C-alpha atoms as a PDB file:
ATOM      1  CA  MET A   1     108.666  73.214 122.342  1.00  0.00           C
ATOM      2  CA  SER A   2     106.965  74.544 119.230  1.00  0.00           C
ATOM      3  CA  GLY A   3     109.659  73.747 116.664  1.00  0.00           C
ATOM      4  CA  TRP A   4     109.981  77.349 115.510  1.00  0.00           C
ATOM      5  CA  ARG A   5     113.310  79.155 115.668  1.00  0.00           C
ATOM      6  CA  ALA A   6     114.143  82.775 114.943  1.00  0.00           C
ATOM      7  CA  VAL A   7     114.971  83.510 111.290  1.00  0.00           C
ATOM      8  CA  LYS A   8     115.559  86.554 109.133  1.00  0.00           C
ATOM      9  CA  ALA A   9     112.443  87.928 107.471  1.00  0.00           C
ATOM     10  CA  GLY A  10     113.896  87.449 103.981  1.00  0.00           C
ATOM     11  CA  ARG A  11     114.244  83.722 104.616  1.00  0.00           C
ATOM     12  CA  ALA A  12     110.678  83.444 105.923  1.00  0.00           C
ATOM     13  CA  LEU A  13     109.318  85.335 102.910  1.00  0.00           C
ATOM     14  CA  ALA A  14     111.263  83.060 100.548  1.00  0.00           C
ATOM     15  CA  ALA A  15     109.723  80.041 102.310  1.00  0.00           C
ATOM     16  CA  LEU A  16     106.226  81.471 101.822  1.00  0.00           C
ATOM     17  CA  LEU A  17     106.915  81.950  98.124  1.00  0.00           C
ATOM     18  CA  ARG A  18     108.152  78.338  97.865  1.00  0.00           C
ATOM     19  CA  VAL A  19     104.947  76.957  99.413  1.00  0.00           C
ATOM     20  CA  GLY A  20     102.691  78.726  96.938  1.00  0.00           C
ATOM     21  CA  TRP A  21     102.216  82.329  98.038  1.00  0.00           C
ATOM     22  CA  GLN A  22     102.721  84.975  95.355  1.00  0.00           C
ATOM     23  CA  ILE A  23     103.500  88.665  95.578  1.00  0.00           C
ATOM     24  CA  LYS A  24     100.356  90.525  94.575  1.00  0.00           C
ATOM     25  CA  ARG A  25     101.685  94.054  95.039  1.00  0.00           C
ATOM     26  CA  ARG A  26     104.206  96.133  96.959  1.00  0.00           C
ATOM     27  CA  GLY A  27     103.733  99.531  98.495  1.00  0.00           C
ATOM     28  CA  GLY A  28     106.409 101.124 100.625  1.00  0.00           C
ATOM     29  CA  SER A  29     107.513  98.589 103.216  1.00  0.00           C
ATOM     30  CA  HIS A  30     104.392  96.419 102.846  1.00  0.00           C
ATOM     31  CA  THR A  31     104.052  93.464 100.505  1.00  0.00           C
ATOM     32  CA  VAL A  32     100.676  91.871  99.877  1.00  0.00           C
ATOM     33  CA  LEU A  33     100.846  88.114  99.313  1.00  0.00           C
ATOM     34  CA  SER A  34      98.064  86.073  97.745  1.00  0.00           C
ATOM     35  CA  ARG A  35      97.266  82.387  97.382  1.00  0.00           C
ATOM     36  CA  ASP A  36      94.257  80.659  95.857  1.00  0.00           C
ATOM     37  CA  GLY A  37      91.575  79.850  98.391  1.00  0.00           C
ATOM     38  CA  GLN A  38      93.038  82.010 101.170  1.00  0.00           C
ATOM     39  CA  PRO A  39      92.697  85.665 102.103  1.00  0.00           C
ATOM     40  CA  ASP A  40      95.554  87.995 101.211  1.00  0.00           C
ATOM     41  CA  TYR A  41      98.347  88.325 103.761  1.00  0.00           C
ATOM     42  CA  VAL A  42     100.212  91.597 104.359  1.00  0.00           C
ATOM     43  CA  TRP A  43     103.961  91.114 104.904  1.00  0.00           C
ATOM     44  CA  ALA A  44     105.424  94.130 106.711  1.00  0.00           C
ATOM     45  CA  PHE A  45     108.923  92.972 107.655  1.00  0.00           C
ATOM     46  CA  HIS A  46     112.266  94.182 106.337  1.00  0.00           C
ATOM     47  CA  ASN A  47     114.468  91.408 104.913  1.00  0.00           C
ATOM     48  CA  ARG A  48     117.244  91.695 107.510  1.00  0.00           C
ATOM     49  CA  GLU A  49     114.858  91.931 110.456  1.00  0.00           C
ATOM     50  CA  GLU A  50     114.788  88.862 112.689  1.00  0.00           C
ATOM     51  CA  ILE A  51     111.428  87.248 113.357  1.00  0.00           C
ATOM     52  CA  GLY A  52     111.099  85.332 116.617  1.00  0.00           C
ATOM     53  CA  PRO A  53     109.392  81.997 117.209  1.00  0.00           C
ATOM     54  CA  ARG A  54     106.169  83.477 118.585  1.00  0.00           C
ATOM     55  CA  MET A  55     105.661  85.751 115.583  1.00  0.00           C
ATOM     56  CA  LEU A  56     106.476  82.912 113.189  1.00  0.00           C
ATOM     57  CA  ALA A  57     103.790  80.812 114.875  1.00  0.00           C
ATOM     58  CA  ARG A  58     101.286  83.642 114.323  1.00  0.00           C
ATOM     59  CA  ILE A  59     102.303  83.941 110.668  1.00  0.00           C
ATOM     60  CA  ALA A  60     101.970  80.167 110.284  1.00  0.00           C
ATOM     61  CA  LYS A  61      98.440  80.232 111.671  1.00  0.00           C
ATOM     62  CA  LYS A  62      97.330  82.515 108.833  1.00  0.00           C
ATOM     63  CA  THR A  63      99.519  81.208 106.014  1.00  0.00           C
ATOM     64  CA  GLY A  64      99.991  77.505 106.664  1.00  0.00           C
ATOM     65  CA  LEU A  65     103.772  77.807 106.924  1.00  0.00           C
ATOM     66  CA  GLN A  66     105.478  74.900 108.716  1.00  0.00           C
ATOM     67  CA  PRO A  67     108.827  74.879 110.578  1.00  0.00           C
ATOM     68  CA  GLU A  68     110.277  72.440 108.021  1.00  0.00           C
ATOM     69  CA  ASP A  69     109.458  74.915 105.194  1.00  0.00           C
ATOM     70  CA  LEU A  70     112.158  77.253 106.511  1.00  0.00           C
END
């Protein structure tokens, strides 16, 4: 088991902000996040949308998010 569980997108975004990502800009339904030393990450989820474990694992691969950060 991977340790990931489904969460709302707003909660996942809040976790990314807590671990050091910052909102660079917003345009429509897309938010561009930035962090020193890493490429920008485009967040394209609505806050109430549920993100499943597989997608969270993909996000984690690019952002460094960990299951305990949620």
